[in-house]
Structures are given as structure tokens and as C-alpha cells.
Amino acid sequence: MTDASQNPIYQESRIDDEPILGSVLTMPDGRIQPLTFWEKVLVNLRLLNAKTLEARYFKPLAS
């Protein structure tokens, strides 16, 4: 067996540039969170990253 089949692939959150919404946070589960103006400024100054924003907007799944 290969290592790829034994280790699950974790998709990290990332900041994408959408044509209509502008900068958005794309979560690993497929949700898209538009960024506020202040968040966009902090991201451009590299004071805020996708991982920090993911922690801010994380919502646990309802059981």
C-alpha cells in the first residue's frame, strides 16, 4: 500500500478572490465566508491569515 491511501487528505481553508464577492474565505467543508473590509485590510497587510479566520468562523456540526 502507498502512504497516500493510509493518510487522509486534509484540505486547508484558503482565501480566494471571487469575481463578484471579492476576497472570501473558503472553508474545508465548502462553505464560503465573505470577508469584511477590515479583514481584507488585515489580510493584505499579512496580519491575518486563513487559519485564523477559519477559527473565527468555525461552526461545529450539529449532532
C-alpha atoms as a PDB file:
ATOM      1  CA  MET A   1       0.000   0.000   0.000  1.00  0.00           C
ATOM      2  CA  THR A   2       1.099   3.548  -0.555  1.00  0.00           C
ATOM      3  CA  ASP A   3       1.315   6.260   2.074  1.00  0.00           C
ATOM      4  CA  ALA A   4      -1.382   8.256   0.293  1.00  0.00           C
ATOM      5  CA  SER A   5      -4.009   5.591   0.930  1.00  0.00           C
ATOM      6  CA  GLN A   6      -3.206   5.438   4.650  1.00  0.00           C
ATOM      7  CA  ASN A   7      -3.171   9.187   5.368  1.00  0.00           C
ATOM      8  CA  PRO A   8      -6.430  11.104   4.925  1.00  0.00           C
ATOM      9  CA  ILE A   9      -6.146  14.264   2.859  1.00  0.00           C
ATOM     10  CA  TYR A  10      -6.962  17.413   4.841  1.00  0.00           C
ATOM     11  CA  GLN A  11      -7.958  20.387   2.769  1.00  0.00           C
ATOM     12  CA  GLU A  12      -6.968  23.637   4.433  1.00  0.00           C
ATOM     13  CA  SER A  13      -9.035  26.784   4.354  1.00  0.00           C
ATOM     14  CA  ARG A  14      -7.814  29.427   1.939  1.00  0.00           C
ATOM     15  CA  ILE A  15      -8.507  32.972   0.885  1.00  0.00           C
ATOM     16  CA  ASP A  16      -9.782  33.189  -2.691  1.00  0.00           C
ATOM     17  CA  ASP A  17     -10.692  36.095  -4.910  1.00  0.00           C
ATOM     18  CA  GLU A  18     -14.243  35.696  -6.201  1.00  0.00           C
ATOM     19  CA  PRO A  19     -15.328  37.858  -9.177  1.00  0.00           C
ATOM     20  CA  ILE A  20     -18.469  39.224  -7.508  1.00  0.00           C
ATOM     21  CA  LEU A  21     -17.799  38.902  -3.767  1.00  0.00           C
ATOM     22  CA  GLY A  22     -14.135  39.905  -3.769  1.00  0.00           C
ATOM     23  CA  SER A  23     -11.910  38.231  -1.175  1.00  0.00           C
ATOM     24  CA  VAL A  24     -13.604  35.309   0.541  1.00  0.00           C
ATOM     25  CA  LEU A  25     -12.606  32.600   2.982  1.00  0.00           C
ATOM     26  CA  THR A  26     -13.197  29.135   1.516  1.00  0.00           C
ATOM     27  CA  MET A  27     -13.637  26.607   4.313  1.00  0.00           C
ATOM     28  CA  PRO A  28     -12.580  22.930   4.029  1.00  0.00           C
ATOM     29  CA  ASP A  29     -16.226  21.801   4.062  1.00  0.00           C
ATOM     30  CA  GLY A  30     -17.048  24.002   1.047  1.00  0.00           C
ATOM     31  CA  ARG A  31     -18.630  26.977   2.805  1.00  0.00           C
ATOM     32  CA  ILE A  32     -17.708  30.444   1.576  1.00  0.00           C
ATOM     33  CA  GLN A  33     -17.473  33.333   4.027  1.00  0.00           C
ATOM     34  CA  PRO A  34     -17.185  36.855   2.567  1.00  0.00           C
ATOM     35  CA  LEU A  35     -14.566  38.957   4.339  1.00  0.00           C
ATOM     36  CA  THR A  36     -15.336  42.308   5.902  1.00  0.00           C
ATOM     37  CA  PHE A  37     -13.437  45.390   4.777  1.00  0.00           C
ATOM     38  CA  TRP A  38     -11.294  45.330   7.915  1.00  0.00           C
ATOM     39  CA  GLU A  39     -10.473  41.626   7.436  1.00  0.00           C
ATOM     40  CA  LYS A  40      -9.417  42.349   3.835  1.00  0.00           C
ATOM     41  CA  VAL A  41      -7.095  45.108   5.069  1.00  0.00           C
ATOM     42  CA  LEU A  42      -5.530  42.828   7.702  1.00  0.00           C
ATOM     43  CA  VAL A  43      -5.078  40.008   5.157  1.00  0.00           C
ATOM     44  CA  ASN A  44      -3.365  42.364   2.698  1.00  0.00           C
ATOM     45  CA  LEU A  45      -1.036  43.570   5.470  1.00  0.00           C
ATOM     46  CA  ARG A  46      -0.362  39.902   6.327  1.00  0.00           C
ATOM     47  CA  LEU A  47      -1.577  40.404   9.899  1.00  0.00           C
ATOM     48  CA  LEU A  48      -4.353  37.845   9.464  1.00  0.00           C
ATOM     49  CA  ASN A  49      -4.348  34.507   7.632  1.00  0.00           C
ATOM     50  CA  ALA A  50      -6.858  31.866   6.527  1.00  0.00           C
ATOM     51  CA  LYS A  51      -6.219  29.635   9.527  1.00  0.00           C
ATOM     52  CA  THR A  52      -7.021  32.450  11.973  1.00  0.00           C
ATOM     53  CA  LEU A  53     -10.164  33.348  10.057  1.00  0.00           C
ATOM     54  CA  GLU A  54     -11.223  29.695   9.963  1.00  0.00           C
ATOM     55  CA  ALA A  55     -11.022  29.570  13.763  1.00  0.00           C
ATOM     56  CA  ARG A  56     -13.156  32.722  13.954  1.00  0.00           C
ATOM     57  CA  TYR A  57     -15.918  31.414  11.653  1.00  0.00           C
ATOM     58  CA  PHE A  58     -15.798  27.727  12.656  1.00  0.00           C
ATOM     59  CA  LYS A  59     -19.203  26.293  13.478  1.00  0.00           C
ATOM     60  CA  PRO A  60     -19.295  22.729  14.804  1.00  0.00           C
ATOM     61  CA  LEU A  61     -21.678  20.304  13.145  1.00  0.00           C
ATOM     62  CA  ALA A  62     -24.951  19.850  14.989  1.00  0.00           C
ATOM     63  CA  SER A  63     -25.411  16.392  16.451  1.00  0.00           C
END
